[in-house]
Amino acid sequence: MSGTVLTSLKRKYSQAVGLSSYRDQHFKGNRTDQEHLLLLSTTLYVGNLSFYTTEEQIHELFSKCGDIKRIIMGLDKVRKTPCGFCFVEYYTREDSEHAIRYINGTRLDDRIVRTDWDAGFKEGRQYGRGKSGGQVRDEYRTDFDEGRGGYGQIIATKIKTKDSV
């Protein structure tokens, strides 16, 4: 994609909900291609969910912003259980912009929901990327968070080791 096309897309969407500075480090392609897909995307990454939040709850909240094409729940790649994120795909860019504008920062299951643009769901991305199977951020968490499975995996392992001594 040429730089002028990307620049005109950025200008067109600058009045809309802008792109964050986050970029998926596992994206297959170059930065320009990724930004182009983000500017046209109707898919949102939704983070900081409770492990107990259901697809039905997500649908109920996000459908207030428009018709949902599909929801893909994030799963622990080892246990195949929810691990605190999902992807919500809308039919239109406008509906997905409404979701980012109005849902980002709201509460669901006593947690503040984070939304961001996603370049588009690809099979395999529904699994956590952490070494233990869940999300990387949960492996290093040092506080106890019941909604995200207790302590982070590294701290939980240290506690188990200490208790067995």
C-alpha atoms as a PDB file:
ATOM      1  CA  MET A   1       0.000   0.000   0.000  1.00  0.00           C
ATOM      2  CA  SER A   2       1.350   3.405  -0.909  1.00  0.00           C
ATOM      3  CA  GLY A   3       2.076   6.056   1.677  1.00  0.00           C
ATOM      4  CA  THR A   4      -0.372   8.506   0.072  1.00  0.00           C
ATOM      5  CA  VAL A   5      -3.276   6.058   0.354  1.00  0.00           C
ATOM      6  CA  LEU A   6      -2.449   5.425   4.016  1.00  0.00           C
ATOM      7  CA  THR A   7      -2.143   9.172   4.670  1.00  0.00           C
ATOM      8  CA  SER A   8      -5.548   9.835   3.108  1.00  0.00           C
ATOM      9  CA  LEU A   9      -7.096   7.016   5.167  1.00  0.00           C
ATOM     10  CA  LYS A  10      -5.571   8.470   8.338  1.00  0.00           C
ATOM     11  CA  ARG A  11      -6.961  11.897   7.444  1.00  0.00           C
ATOM     12  CA  LYS A  12     -10.416  10.435   6.744  1.00  0.00           C
ATOM     13  CA  TYR A  13     -10.538   8.605  10.059  1.00  0.00           C
ATOM     14  CA  SER A  14      -8.866  11.298  12.163  1.00  0.00           C
ATOM     15  CA  GLN A  15     -12.294  12.713  13.059  1.00  0.00           C
ATOM     16  CA  ALA A  16     -13.409   9.231  14.039  1.00  0.00           C
ATOM     17  CA  VAL A  17     -12.027   7.147  16.882  1.00  0.00           C
ATOM     18  CA  GLY A  18      -8.253   7.225  16.448  1.00  0.00           C
ATOM     19  CA  LEU A  19      -5.778   4.391  16.624  1.00  0.00           C
ATOM     20  CA  SER A  20      -3.895   3.771  19.838  1.00  0.00           C
ATOM     21  CA  SER A  21      -0.127   3.390  19.838  1.00  0.00           C
ATOM     22  CA  TYR A  22      -0.380  -0.368  20.515  1.00  0.00           C
ATOM     23  CA  ARG A  23       0.604  -2.655  17.633  1.00  0.00           C
ATOM     24  CA  ASP A  24       0.381  -6.444  17.709  1.00  0.00           C
ATOM     25  CA  GLN A  25       3.986  -7.672  17.685  1.00  0.00           C
ATOM     26  CA  HIS A  26       2.871 -10.993  16.162  1.00  0.00           C
ATOM     27  CA  PHE A  27       1.205  -9.358  13.130  1.00  0.00           C
ATOM     28  CA  LYS A  28       2.237 -11.064   9.897  1.00  0.00           C
ATOM     29  CA  GLY A  29       3.130  -8.171   7.601  1.00  0.00           C
ATOM     30  CA  ASN A  30       4.675  -4.731   7.763  1.00  0.00           C
ATOM     31  CA  ARG A  31       3.643  -1.732   9.859  1.00  0.00           C
ATOM     32  CA  THR A  32       1.972   0.041   6.915  1.00  0.00           C
ATOM     33  CA  ASP A  33      -0.209  -2.995   6.143  1.00  0.00           C
ATOM     34  CA  GLN A  34      -1.120  -3.295   9.813  1.00  0.00           C
ATOM     35  CA  GLU A  35      -2.136   0.368  10.070  1.00  0.00           C
ATOM     36  CA  HIS A  36      -4.204   0.095   6.889  1.00  0.00           C
ATOM     37  CA  LEU A  37      -6.106  -2.896   8.311  1.00  0.00           C
ATOM     38  CA  LEU A  38      -6.600  -1.111  11.635  1.00  0.00           C
ATOM     39  CA  LEU A  39      -8.042   1.947   9.885  1.00  0.00           C
ATOM     40  CA  LEU A  40     -10.612  -0.190   8.047  1.00  0.00           C
ATOM     41  CA  SER A  41     -11.258  -2.771  10.749  1.00  0.00           C
ATOM     42  CA  THR A  42     -14.607  -3.608  12.317  1.00  0.00           C
ATOM     43  CA  THR A  43     -12.952  -5.895  14.893  1.00  0.00           C
ATOM     44  CA  LEU A  44     -12.183  -4.871  18.465  1.00  0.00           C
ATOM     45  CA  TYR A  45      -9.863  -6.406  21.010  1.00  0.00           C
ATOM     46  CA  VAL A  46     -11.560  -6.334  24.418  1.00  0.00           C
ATOM     47  CA  GLY A  47      -9.310  -6.770  27.445  1.00  0.00           C
ATOM     48  CA  ASN A  48      -9.291  -6.818  31.235  1.00  0.00           C
ATOM     49  CA  LEU A  49     -12.308  -9.117  31.373  1.00  0.00           C
ATOM     50  CA  SER A  50     -13.015 -11.333  34.336  1.00  0.00           C
ATOM     51  CA  PHE A  51     -12.317 -15.006  33.687  1.00  0.00           C
ATOM     52  CA  TYR A  52     -15.981 -15.504  34.600  1.00  0.00           C
ATOM     53  CA  THR A  53     -17.466 -13.046  32.082  1.00  0.00           C
ATOM     54  CA  THR A  54     -19.624 -14.918  29.584  1.00  0.00           C
ATOM     55  CA  GLU A  55     -20.085 -14.456  25.866  1.00  0.00           C
ATOM     56  CA  GLU A  56     -23.728 -13.610  26.589  1.00  0.00           C
ATOM     57  CA  GLN A  57     -22.705 -10.722  28.883  1.00  0.00           C
ATOM     58  CA  ILE A  58     -20.337  -9.385  26.242  1.00  0.00           C
ATOM     59  CA  HIS A  59     -23.040  -9.642  23.583  1.00  0.00           C
ATOM     60  CA  GLU A  60     -25.545  -7.846  25.802  1.00  0.00           C
ATOM     61  CA  LEU A  61     -23.173  -4.925  26.423  1.00  0.00           C
ATOM     62  CA  PHE A  62     -21.598  -4.549  22.985  1.00  0.00           C
ATOM     63  CA  SER A  63     -24.831  -5.033  21.009  1.00  0.00           C
ATOM     64  CA  LYS A  64     -25.977  -1.680  22.417  1.00  0.00           C
ATOM     65  CA  CYS A  65     -23.574  -0.112  19.916  1.00  0.00           C
ATOM     66  CA  GLY A  66     -24.671  -2.078  16.842  1.00  0.00           C
ATOM     67  CA  ASP A  67     -25.183  -5.468  15.262  1.00  0.00           C
ATOM     68  CA  ILE A  68     -22.463  -7.935  16.180  1.00  0.00           C
ATOM     69  CA  LYS A  69     -21.131 -10.286  13.518  1.00  0.00           C
ATOM     70  CA  ARG A  70     -19.312 -12.557  15.982  1.00  0.00           C
ATOM     71  CA  ILE A  71     -17.596 -12.758  19.350  1.00  0.00           C
ATOM     72  CA  ILE A  72     -14.454 -14.842  19.831  1.00  0.00           C
ATOM     73  CA  MET A  73     -13.645 -15.579  23.464  1.00  0.00           C
ATOM     74  CA  GLY A  74      -9.985 -15.619  24.465  1.00  0.00           C
ATOM     75  CA  LEU A  75      -8.955 -18.994  25.854  1.00  0.00           C
ATOM     76  CA  ASP A  76      -6.079 -20.347  27.893  1.00  0.00           C
ATOM     77  CA  LYS A  77      -4.239 -22.421  25.282  1.00  0.00           C
ATOM     78  CA  VAL A  78      -3.569 -25.232  27.767  1.00  0.00           C
ATOM     79  CA  ARG A  79      -6.802 -25.443  29.771  1.00  0.00           C
ATOM     80  CA  LYS A  80      -9.165 -24.096  27.045  1.00  0.00           C
ATOM     81  CA  THR A  81     -10.882 -21.896  29.649  1.00  0.00           C
ATOM     82  CA  PRO A  82     -11.576 -18.134  29.358  1.00  0.00           C
ATOM     83  CA  CYS A  83      -8.514 -16.016  30.119  1.00  0.00           C
ATOM     84  CA  GLY A  84      -9.759 -12.435  30.222  1.00  0.00           C
ATOM     85  CA  PHE A  85     -10.048 -11.138  26.664  1.00  0.00           C
ATOM     86  CA  CYS A  86     -12.132 -11.478  23.528  1.00  0.00           C
ATOM     87  CA  PHE A  87     -12.601 -10.119  20.034  1.00  0.00           C
ATOM     88  CA  VAL A  88     -15.870  -8.450  19.028  1.00  0.00           C
ATOM     89  CA  GLU A  89     -16.503  -8.081  15.321  1.00  0.00           C
ATOM     90  CA  TYR A  90     -19.198  -5.725  14.032  1.00  0.00           C
ATOM     91  CA  TYR A  91     -20.702  -5.490  10.570  1.00  0.00           C
ATOM     92  CA  THR A  92     -19.789  -1.801  10.198  1.00  0.00           C
ATOM     93  CA  ARG A  93     -16.900   0.461  11.130  1.00  0.00           C
ATOM     94  CA  GLU A  94     -19.373   2.986  12.544  1.00  0.00           C
ATOM     95  CA  ASP A  95     -20.776   0.490  15.070  1.00  0.00           C
ATOM     96  CA  SER A  96     -17.279  -0.552  16.144  1.00  0.00           C
ATOM     97  CA  GLU A  97     -16.342   3.124  16.615  1.00  0.00           C
ATOM     98  CA  HIS A  98     -19.390   3.570  18.843  1.00  0.00           C
ATOM     99  CA  ALA A  99     -18.226   0.628  20.965  1.00  0.00           C
ATOM    100  CA  ILE A 100     -14.737   2.068  21.428  1.00  0.00           C
ATOM    101  CA  ARG A 101     -16.140   5.507  22.173  1.00  0.00           C
ATOM    102  CA  TYR A 102     -18.869   4.443  24.617  1.00  0.00           C
ATOM    103  CA  ILE A 103     -17.797   1.106  26.124  1.00  0.00           C
ATOM    104  CA  ASN A 104     -14.050   1.564  26.637  1.00  0.00           C
ATOM    105  CA  GLY A 105     -13.538   2.341  30.332  1.00  0.00           C
ATOM    106  CA  THR A 106     -16.957   1.085  31.485  1.00  0.00           C
ATOM    107  CA  ARG A 107     -17.478  -1.709  34.006  1.00  0.00           C
ATOM    108  CA  LEU A 108     -18.454  -5.293  33.279  1.00  0.00           C
ATOM    109  CA  ASP A 109     -18.336  -7.844  36.116  1.00  0.00           C
ATOM    110  CA  ASP A 110     -16.720  -5.211  38.375  1.00  0.00           C
ATOM    111  CA  ARG A 111     -13.820  -4.757  35.955  1.00  0.00           C
ATOM    112  CA  ILE A 112     -12.962  -1.758  33.800  1.00  0.00           C
ATOM    113  CA  VAL A 113     -13.138  -2.930  30.188  1.00  0.00           C
ATOM    114  CA  ARG A 114     -10.424  -1.907  27.711  1.00  0.00           C
ATOM    115  CA  THR A 115     -11.193  -1.808  23.993  1.00  0.00           C
ATOM    116  CA  ASP A 116      -8.838  -1.264  21.084  1.00  0.00           C
ATOM    117  CA  TRP A 117      -8.813  -1.743  17.334  1.00  0.00           C
ATOM    118  CA  ASP A 118      -7.718  -5.113  16.030  1.00  0.00           C
ATOM    119  CA  ALA A 119      -6.448  -5.731  12.499  1.00  0.00           C
ATOM    120  CA  GLY A 120      -8.870  -8.643  12.149  1.00  0.00           C
ATOM    121  CA  PHE A 121      -9.226 -11.986  13.854  1.00  0.00           C
ATOM    122  CA  LYS A 122      -7.157 -14.897  12.546  1.00  0.00           C
ATOM    123  CA  GLU A 123      -7.568 -18.473  13.771  1.00  0.00           C
ATOM    124  CA  GLY A 124      -5.196 -19.197  16.669  1.00  0.00           C
ATOM    125  CA  ARG A 125      -5.308 -15.670  18.095  1.00  0.00           C
ATOM    126  CA  GLN A 126      -8.046 -16.686  20.524  1.00  0.00           C
ATOM    127  CA  TYR A 127      -5.395 -18.384  22.664  1.00  0.00           C
ATOM    128  CA  GLY A 128      -3.396 -16.618  25.361  1.00  0.00           C
ATOM    129  CA  ARG A 129       0.260 -16.015  24.504  1.00  0.00           C
ATOM    130  CA  GLY A 130       1.684 -16.495  27.988  1.00  0.00           C
ATOM    131  CA  LYS A 131       4.033 -19.376  28.814  1.00  0.00           C
ATOM    132  CA  SER A 132       1.433 -20.934  31.104  1.00  0.00           C
ATOM    133  CA  GLY A 133      -1.296 -20.712  28.438  1.00  0.00           C
ATOM    134  CA  GLY A 134      -3.082 -17.548  29.596  1.00  0.00           C
ATOM    135  CA  GLN A 135      -2.229 -13.920  29.018  1.00  0.00           C
ATOM    136  CA  VAL A 136       1.309 -12.648  29.533  1.00  0.00           C
ATOM    137  CA  ARG A 137       0.086  -9.821  31.806  1.00  0.00           C
ATOM    138  CA  ASP A 138      -1.407 -12.369  34.223  1.00  0.00           C
ATOM    139  CA  GLU A 139       1.864 -14.252  34.597  1.00  0.00           C
ATOM    140  CA  TYR A 140       3.636 -11.252  36.110  1.00  0.00           C
ATOM    141  CA  ARG A 141       0.798  -9.850  38.227  1.00  0.00           C
ATOM    142  CA  THR A 142       1.857  -9.726  41.900  1.00  0.00           C
ATOM    143  CA  ASP A 143      -1.516  -8.834  43.398  1.00  0.00           C
ATOM    144  CA  PHE A 144      -4.370 -11.235  44.124  1.00  0.00           C
ATOM    145  CA  ASP A 145      -7.145 -10.758  41.561  1.00  0.00           C
ATOM    146  CA  GLU A 146      -9.997 -13.219  41.985  1.00  0.00           C
ATOM    147  CA  GLY A 147     -11.605 -12.158  38.706  1.00  0.00           C
ATOM    148  CA  ARG A 148      -8.444 -13.129  36.824  1.00  0.00           C
ATOM    149  CA  GLY A 149      -7.665 -16.406  38.546  1.00  0.00           C
ATOM    150  CA  GLY A 150      -5.962 -15.314  41.778  1.00  0.00           C
ATOM    151  CA  TYR A 151      -2.256 -14.507  41.799  1.00  0.00           C
ATOM    152  CA  GLY A 152      -0.143 -14.275  38.659  1.00  0.00           C
ATOM    153  CA  GLN A 153       1.357 -17.594  37.535  1.00  0.00           C
ATOM    154  CA  ILE A 154       4.901 -16.750  38.679  1.00  0.00           C
ATOM    155  CA  ILE A 155       3.765 -15.700  42.184  1.00  0.00           C
ATOM    156  CA  ALA A 156       1.352 -18.661  42.435  1.00  0.00           C
ATOM    157  CA  THR A 157       4.202 -21.057  41.613  1.00  0.00           C
ATOM    158  CA  LYS A 158       6.395 -19.459  44.315  1.00  0.00           C
ATOM    159  CA  ILE A 159       3.550 -19.771  46.857  1.00  0.00           C
ATOM    160  CA  LYS A 160       3.032 -23.474  46.005  1.00  0.00           C
ATOM    161  CA  THR A 161       6.778 -24.124  46.304  1.00  0.00           C
ATOM    162  CA  LYS A 162       6.935 -22.299  49.655  1.00  0.00           C
ATOM    163  CA  ASP A 163       3.884 -24.189  51.021  1.00  0.00           C
ATOM    164  CA  SER A 164       5.350 -27.581  50.097  1.00  0.00           C
ATOM    165  CA  VAL A 165       8.631 -26.925  51.955  1.00  0.00           C
END
